[in-house]
Every structure is written in structure tokens, then in C-alpha cells.
Amino acid sequence: MKAMERAVLVYTTWPTTAEAEAAGRTLVERRLAACVNILPGMISHYRWEGEVERAEEAVMIVKTRASLADAVSAAVKELHRYTTPAILVISPESVEGAYLGWLLAETEHADK
């Protein structure tokens, strides 16, 4: 475990729950994420190419280490059908120690 390594959350959205599940499993299999949470049934309103759009999507929250945030972002872009997927890296203020240890152990040998 690297000294000063910290956890981050990567927030992204997917057009379907099935796509989110497939991508989430891939992230965990590649050890880019210790855990992925998928929340189906979100409704989004946004402006795209000059028009206000509405879409039903699934939220994905990826729990990973900060040093893998760029690799997670690249994998999301690779796996996503959107031209511009939402990818936000969020740094939590604190993470419980045992959970952080588990997260770091599960992502230690990531396929970058």
C-alpha cells in the first residue's frame, strides 16, 4: 500500500442499467474499482447540442484509489456509448480505516 494513498469516488451515468452493470463488472474485474454501486431509475434533464434533453439513466459510483482515477476515466470512456460521458472524481473528506484498507487491497494490482 502506497503511503498517502487515498480513496476517491468516480460518479458517472449510463443510458441503461444493463450497460452500467456490464461496465461496473469490468471495472471490478480489472481491479480498477473495489466496488461499484449502480442506482437505476434516474431521470436527467440537460442541454446537449443546443437542445434541452430528457433521459432515463443509471447512476454509477465507482469506489477506487486516487492513483487509479485516470485509468477509471479512460475505461469508462472505452466502455461507454456516449460521446461525452459524465465523469466526476470526488474526494471524500474521510474514509473509515478498515474500509480504506479493503479498498486499497482490492485495487492494488489493477490492470491499467
N, C-alpha and C. Protein backbone atom coordinates (compact mmCIF):
# COMPACT_ATOMS: atom_id res chain seq x y z
N MET A 1 0.84 -1.18 0.00
CA MET A 1 0.00 0.00 0.00
C MET A 1 0.89 1.24 0.00
N LYS A 2 0.61 2.15 -0.94
CA LYS A 2 1.39 3.38 -1.03
C LYS A 2 1.09 4.29 0.16
N ALA A 3 2.15 4.96 0.63
CA ALA A 3 1.94 5.95 1.68
C ALA A 3 1.12 7.09 1.08
N MET A 4 0.21 7.62 1.83
CA MET A 4 -0.61 8.76 1.43
C MET A 4 -1.65 8.43 0.35
N GLU A 5 -1.82 7.16 0.01
CA GLU A 5 -2.86 6.82 -0.97
C GLU A 5 -4.22 7.10 -0.35
N ARG A 6 -5.15 7.56 -1.15
CA ARG A 6 -6.47 7.89 -0.63
C ARG A 6 -7.55 7.34 -1.56
N ALA A 7 -8.73 7.28 -1.05
CA ALA A 7 -9.88 6.80 -1.81
C ALA A 7 -10.53 7.98 -2.54
N VAL A 8 -11.11 7.68 -3.69
CA VAL A 8 -11.95 8.64 -4.40
C VAL A 8 -13.19 7.91 -4.90
N LEU A 9 -14.21 8.69 -5.19
CA LEU A 9 -15.42 8.19 -5.82
C LEU A 9 -15.45 8.76 -7.23
N VAL A 10 -15.77 7.92 -8.20
CA VAL A 10 -15.95 8.39 -9.57
C VAL A 10 -17.44 8.25 -9.87
N TYR A 11 -18.08 9.38 -10.12
CA TYR A 11 -19.50 9.42 -10.43
C TYR A 11 -19.66 9.45 -11.94
N THR A 12 -20.50 8.59 -12.46
CA THR A 12 -20.80 8.59 -13.88
C THR A 12 -22.23 8.10 -14.08
N THR A 13 -22.76 8.32 -15.27
CA THR A 13 -24.11 7.86 -15.58
C THR A 13 -24.08 7.02 -16.85
N TRP A 14 -25.06 6.13 -16.96
CA TRP A 14 -25.14 5.20 -18.09
C TRP A 14 -26.55 5.22 -18.65
N PRO A 15 -26.70 4.96 -19.95
CA PRO A 15 -28.03 5.00 -20.55
C PRO A 15 -28.96 3.89 -20.10
N THR A 16 -28.40 2.76 -19.65
CA THR A 16 -29.24 1.66 -19.16
C THR A 16 -28.56 1.00 -17.96
N THR A 17 -29.36 0.36 -17.14
CA THR A 17 -28.83 -0.38 -16.00
C THR A 17 -27.96 -1.54 -16.48
N ALA A 18 -28.36 -2.20 -17.55
CA ALA A 18 -27.58 -3.33 -18.08
C ALA A 18 -26.19 -2.88 -18.52
N GLU A 19 -26.10 -1.74 -19.18
CA GLU A 19 -24.79 -1.23 -19.60
C GLU A 19 -23.94 -0.85 -18.39
N ALA A 20 -24.58 -0.25 -17.40
CA ALA A 20 -23.86 0.11 -16.18
C ALA A 20 -23.34 -1.14 -15.48
N GLU A 21 -24.17 -2.18 -15.40
CA GLU A 21 -23.74 -3.42 -14.75
C GLU A 21 -22.57 -4.07 -15.49
N ALA A 22 -22.64 -4.12 -16.81
CA ALA A 22 -21.55 -4.72 -17.58
C ALA A 22 -20.25 -3.93 -17.38
N ALA A 23 -20.34 -2.62 -17.45
CA ALA A 23 -19.15 -1.78 -17.27
C ALA A 23 -18.63 -1.89 -15.84
N GLY A 24 -19.53 -1.88 -14.87
CA GLY A 24 -19.13 -1.98 -13.47
C GLY A 24 -18.40 -3.28 -13.18
N ARG A 25 -18.93 -4.36 -13.72
CA ARG A 25 -18.26 -5.66 -13.53
C ARG A 25 -16.86 -5.64 -14.14
N THR A 26 -16.73 -5.04 -15.32
CA THR A 26 -15.43 -4.93 -15.97
C THR A 26 -14.45 -4.14 -15.11
N LEU A 27 -14.90 -3.04 -14.53
CA LEU A 27 -14.02 -2.23 -13.68
C LEU A 27 -13.54 -3.02 -12.47
N VAL A 28 -14.43 -3.78 -11.86
CA VAL A 28 -14.05 -4.59 -10.70
C VAL A 28 -13.13 -5.74 -11.14
N GLU A 29 -13.45 -6.40 -12.26
CA GLU A 29 -12.60 -7.49 -12.75
C GLU A 29 -11.19 -7.01 -13.05
N ARG A 30 -11.07 -5.80 -13.58
CA ARG A 30 -9.75 -5.23 -13.90
C ARG A 30 -9.06 -4.68 -12.65
N ARG A 31 -9.72 -4.74 -11.52
CA ARG A 31 -9.24 -4.20 -10.25
C ARG A 31 -9.04 -2.68 -10.28
N LEU A 32 -9.75 -2.03 -11.18
CA LEU A 32 -9.75 -0.57 -11.21
C LEU A 32 -10.68 -0.02 -10.14
N ALA A 33 -11.58 -0.86 -9.65
CA ALA A 33 -12.53 -0.47 -8.61
C ALA A 33 -12.64 -1.59 -7.59
N ALA A 34 -12.75 -1.21 -6.32
CA ALA A 34 -13.02 -2.20 -5.28
C ALA A 34 -14.50 -2.53 -5.27
N CYS A 35 -15.31 -1.56 -5.61
CA CYS A 35 -16.76 -1.72 -5.57
C CYS A 35 -17.39 -0.71 -6.52
N VAL A 36 -18.50 -1.10 -7.12
CA VAL A 36 -19.27 -0.20 -7.97
C VAL A 36 -20.72 -0.27 -7.51
N ASN A 37 -21.31 0.88 -7.24
CA ASN A 37 -22.73 0.95 -6.89
C ASN A 37 -23.50 1.47 -8.11
N ILE A 38 -24.61 0.82 -8.42
CA ILE A 38 -25.44 1.23 -9.55
C ILE A 38 -26.82 1.55 -9.02
N LEU A 39 -27.29 2.74 -9.33
CA LEU A 39 -28.60 3.20 -8.91
C LEU A 39 -29.45 3.41 -10.15
N PRO A 40 -30.36 2.49 -10.46
CA PRO A 40 -31.19 2.64 -11.66
C PRO A 40 -32.30 3.65 -11.45
N GLY A 41 -32.88 4.07 -12.56
CA GLY A 41 -34.09 4.88 -12.48
C GLY A 41 -33.90 6.37 -12.31
N MET A 42 -32.74 6.90 -12.64
CA MET A 42 -32.53 8.34 -12.55
C MET A 42 -33.07 9.01 -13.81
N ILE A 43 -33.64 10.17 -13.65
CA ILE A 43 -34.08 10.96 -14.80
C ILE A 43 -33.19 12.19 -14.87
N SER A 44 -32.63 12.44 -16.05
CA SER A 44 -31.74 13.58 -16.26
C SER A 44 -32.36 14.56 -17.25
N HIS A 45 -32.21 15.82 -16.96
CA HIS A 45 -32.53 16.90 -17.90
C HIS A 45 -31.24 17.66 -18.12
N TYR A 46 -30.87 17.88 -19.36
CA TYR A 46 -29.60 18.54 -19.67
C TYR A 46 -29.67 19.18 -21.05
N ARG A 47 -28.74 20.07 -21.30
CA ARG A 47 -28.65 20.71 -22.61
C ARG A 47 -27.58 19.97 -23.41
N TRP A 48 -27.92 19.56 -24.63
CA TRP A 48 -26.97 18.86 -25.50
C TRP A 48 -27.18 19.36 -26.92
N GLU A 49 -26.11 19.87 -27.52
CA GLU A 49 -26.13 20.37 -28.89
C GLU A 49 -27.28 21.36 -29.11
N GLY A 50 -27.44 22.28 -28.15
CA GLY A 50 -28.41 23.36 -28.27
C GLY A 50 -29.84 23.02 -27.90
N GLU A 51 -30.11 21.79 -27.52
CA GLU A 51 -31.46 21.38 -27.17
C GLU A 51 -31.50 20.88 -25.73
N VAL A 52 -32.63 21.11 -25.06
CA VAL A 52 -32.83 20.56 -23.73
C VAL A 52 -33.34 19.13 -23.90
N GLU A 53 -32.64 18.20 -23.30
CA GLU A 53 -32.94 16.77 -23.44
C GLU A 53 -33.42 16.19 -22.11
N ARG A 54 -34.10 15.06 -22.20
CA ARG A 54 -34.51 14.28 -21.03
C ARG A 54 -34.10 12.85 -21.31
N ALA A 55 -33.52 12.21 -20.31
CA ALA A 55 -33.12 10.81 -20.48
C ALA A 55 -33.30 10.06 -19.17
N GLU A 56 -33.63 8.79 -19.29
CA GLU A 56 -33.62 7.89 -18.14
C GLU A 56 -32.27 7.21 -18.13
N GLU A 57 -31.58 7.27 -17.00
CA GLU A 57 -30.23 6.75 -16.89
C GLU A 57 -30.05 5.97 -15.59
N ALA A 58 -28.90 5.38 -15.45
CA ALA A 58 -28.49 4.73 -14.21
C ALA A 58 -27.23 5.43 -13.72
N VAL A 59 -27.18 5.72 -12.44
CA VAL A 59 -26.00 6.33 -11.81
C VAL A 59 -25.04 5.22 -11.43
N MET A 60 -23.75 5.45 -11.65
CA MET A 60 -22.72 4.53 -11.18
C MET A 60 -21.77 5.31 -10.30
N ILE A 61 -21.49 4.76 -9.12
CA ILE A 61 -20.49 5.33 -8.23
C ILE A 61 -19.39 4.29 -8.09
N VAL A 62 -18.21 4.66 -8.55
CA VAL A 62 -17.05 3.77 -8.55
C VAL A 62 -16.19 4.12 -7.34
N LYS A 63 -15.87 3.13 -6.52
CA LYS A 63 -15.02 3.34 -5.35
C LYS A 63 -13.64 2.81 -5.69
N THR A 64 -12.65 3.71 -5.69
CA THR A 64 -11.31 3.34 -6.11
C THR A 64 -10.28 4.18 -5.39
N ARG A 65 -9.01 3.96 -5.73
CA ARG A 65 -7.93 4.76 -5.16
C ARG A 65 -7.62 5.94 -6.08
N ALA A 66 -7.15 7.02 -5.52
CA ALA A 66 -6.91 8.24 -6.28
C ALA A 66 -5.95 8.01 -7.44
N SER A 67 -4.95 7.18 -7.26
CA SER A 67 -3.96 6.96 -8.33
C SER A 67 -4.56 6.21 -9.52
N LEU A 68 -5.76 5.66 -9.38
CA LEU A 68 -6.42 4.96 -10.50
C LEU A 68 -7.51 5.80 -11.15
N ALA A 69 -7.74 7.01 -10.70
CA ALA A 69 -8.83 7.83 -11.23
C ALA A 69 -8.71 8.04 -12.74
N ASP A 70 -7.52 8.30 -13.23
CA ASP A 70 -7.34 8.48 -14.68
C ASP A 70 -7.61 7.19 -15.44
N ALA A 71 -7.17 6.06 -14.91
CA ALA A 71 -7.41 4.77 -15.56
C ALA A 71 -8.90 4.43 -15.55
N VAL A 72 -9.60 4.74 -14.46
CA VAL A 72 -11.05 4.53 -14.40
C VAL A 72 -11.74 5.40 -15.44
N SER A 73 -11.34 6.65 -15.53
CA SER A 73 -11.91 7.57 -16.51
C SER A 73 -11.71 7.04 -17.93
N ALA A 74 -10.51 6.57 -18.23
CA ALA A 74 -10.22 6.02 -19.57
C ALA A 74 -11.08 4.79 -19.84
N ALA A 75 -11.24 3.93 -18.85
CA ALA A 75 -12.05 2.72 -19.02
C ALA A 75 -13.52 3.08 -19.24
N VAL A 76 -14.03 4.05 -18.49
CA VAL A 76 -15.41 4.49 -18.68
C VAL A 76 -15.60 4.98 -20.11
N LYS A 77 -14.68 5.79 -20.60
CA LYS A 77 -14.77 6.29 -21.98
C LYS A 77 -14.71 5.14 -22.99
N GLU A 78 -13.88 4.16 -22.73
CA GLU A 78 -13.75 2.99 -23.61
C GLU A 78 -15.05 2.18 -23.64
N LEU A 79 -15.70 2.00 -22.50
CA LEU A 79 -16.86 1.13 -22.38
C LEU A 79 -18.19 1.83 -22.68
N HIS A 80 -18.19 3.15 -22.72
CA HIS A 80 -19.42 3.95 -22.79
C HIS A 80 -19.82 4.22 -24.23
N ARG A 81 -21.12 4.28 -24.48
CA ARG A 81 -21.58 4.63 -25.83
C ARG A 81 -21.79 6.13 -26.01
N TYR A 82 -21.83 6.89 -24.91
CA TYR A 82 -21.98 8.34 -25.02
C TYR A 82 -20.69 8.95 -25.57
N THR A 83 -20.82 10.00 -26.37
CA THR A 83 -19.66 10.74 -26.86
C THR A 83 -18.95 11.44 -25.70
N THR A 84 -19.74 11.99 -24.79
CA THR A 84 -19.21 12.74 -23.67
C THR A 84 -19.85 12.23 -22.38
N PRO A 85 -19.37 11.10 -21.85
CA PRO A 85 -19.98 10.61 -20.60
C PRO A 85 -19.63 11.51 -19.42
N ALA A 86 -20.55 11.57 -18.47
CA ALA A 86 -20.28 12.30 -17.23
C ALA A 86 -19.26 11.50 -16.43
N ILE A 87 -18.16 12.14 -16.08
CA ILE A 87 -17.14 11.51 -15.24
C ILE A 87 -16.67 12.57 -14.25
N LEU A 88 -17.02 12.39 -12.98
CA LEU A 88 -16.63 13.33 -11.95
C LEU A 88 -15.89 12.57 -10.86
N VAL A 89 -14.68 13.00 -10.54
CA VAL A 89 -13.90 12.38 -9.47
C VAL A 89 -14.12 13.20 -8.21
N ILE A 90 -14.58 12.53 -7.17
CA ILE A 90 -14.95 13.20 -5.92
C ILE A 90 -14.07 12.67 -4.79
N SER A 91 -13.46 13.57 -4.06
CA SER A 91 -12.61 13.19 -2.92
C SER A 91 -13.41 13.28 -1.63
N PRO A 92 -13.66 12.15 -0.98
CA PRO A 92 -14.37 12.21 0.29
C PRO A 92 -13.52 12.87 1.37
N GLU A 93 -14.18 13.50 2.29
CA GLU A 93 -13.47 14.16 3.39
C GLU A 93 -12.78 13.14 4.28
N SER A 94 -13.42 12.00 4.50
CA SER A 94 -12.81 10.95 5.31
C SER A 94 -13.36 9.60 4.86
N VAL A 95 -12.59 8.56 5.16
CA VAL A 95 -12.98 7.19 4.85
C VAL A 95 -12.62 6.34 6.07
N GLU A 96 -13.53 5.52 6.53
CA GLU A 96 -13.27 4.65 7.68
C GLU A 96 -12.06 3.79 7.38
N GLY A 97 -11.17 3.63 8.36
CA GLY A 97 -9.88 3.00 8.17
C GLY A 97 -9.91 1.58 7.63
N ALA A 98 -10.75 0.72 8.18
CA ALA A 98 -10.82 -0.66 7.71
C ALA A 98 -11.34 -0.72 6.28
N TYR A 99 -12.32 0.12 5.97
CA TYR A 99 -12.86 0.16 4.61
C TYR A 99 -11.80 0.63 3.63
N LEU A 100 -11.06 1.66 4.00
CA LEU A 100 -9.98 2.15 3.15
C LEU A 100 -8.95 1.05 2.90
N GLY A 101 -8.59 0.30 3.93
CA GLY A 101 -7.64 -0.79 3.77
C GLY A 101 -8.15 -1.83 2.78
N TRP A 102 -9.43 -2.18 2.89
CA TRP A 102 -10.04 -3.13 1.96
C TRP A 102 -10.01 -2.59 0.54
N LEU A 103 -10.42 -1.32 0.36
CA LEU A 103 -10.45 -0.70 -0.96
C LEU A 103 -9.07 -0.71 -1.60
N LEU A 104 -8.06 -0.34 -0.84
CA LEU A 104 -6.69 -0.30 -1.37
C LEU A 104 -6.19 -1.70 -1.71
N ALA A 105 -6.51 -2.69 -0.88
CA ALA A 105 -6.09 -4.05 -1.15
C ALA A 105 -6.73 -4.59 -2.43
N GLU A 106 -8.00 -4.28 -2.63
CA GLU A 106 -8.72 -4.79 -3.80
C GLU A 106 -8.30 -4.14 -5.11
N THR A 107 -7.66 -2.99 -5.04
CA THR A 107 -7.24 -2.28 -6.25
C THR A 107 -5.72 -2.24 -6.40
N GLU A 108 -5.03 -2.98 -5.56
CA GLU A 108 -3.57 -2.93 -5.56
C GLU A 108 -2.95 -3.40 -6.88
N HIS A 109 -3.52 -4.38 -7.51
CA HIS A 109 -2.93 -4.95 -8.72
C HIS A 109 -3.83 -4.68 -9.93
N ALA A 110 -4.15 -3.41 -10.13
CA ALA A 110 -5.06 -3.01 -11.21
C ALA A 110 -4.44 -3.25 -12.58
N ASP A 111 -5.30 -3.60 -13.53
CA ASP A 111 -4.91 -3.71 -14.94
C ASP A 111 -5.02 -2.33 -15.55
N LYS A 112 -3.94 -1.58 -15.55
CA LYS A 112 -4.01 -0.19 -16.05
C LYS A 112 -4.01 -0.13 -17.54
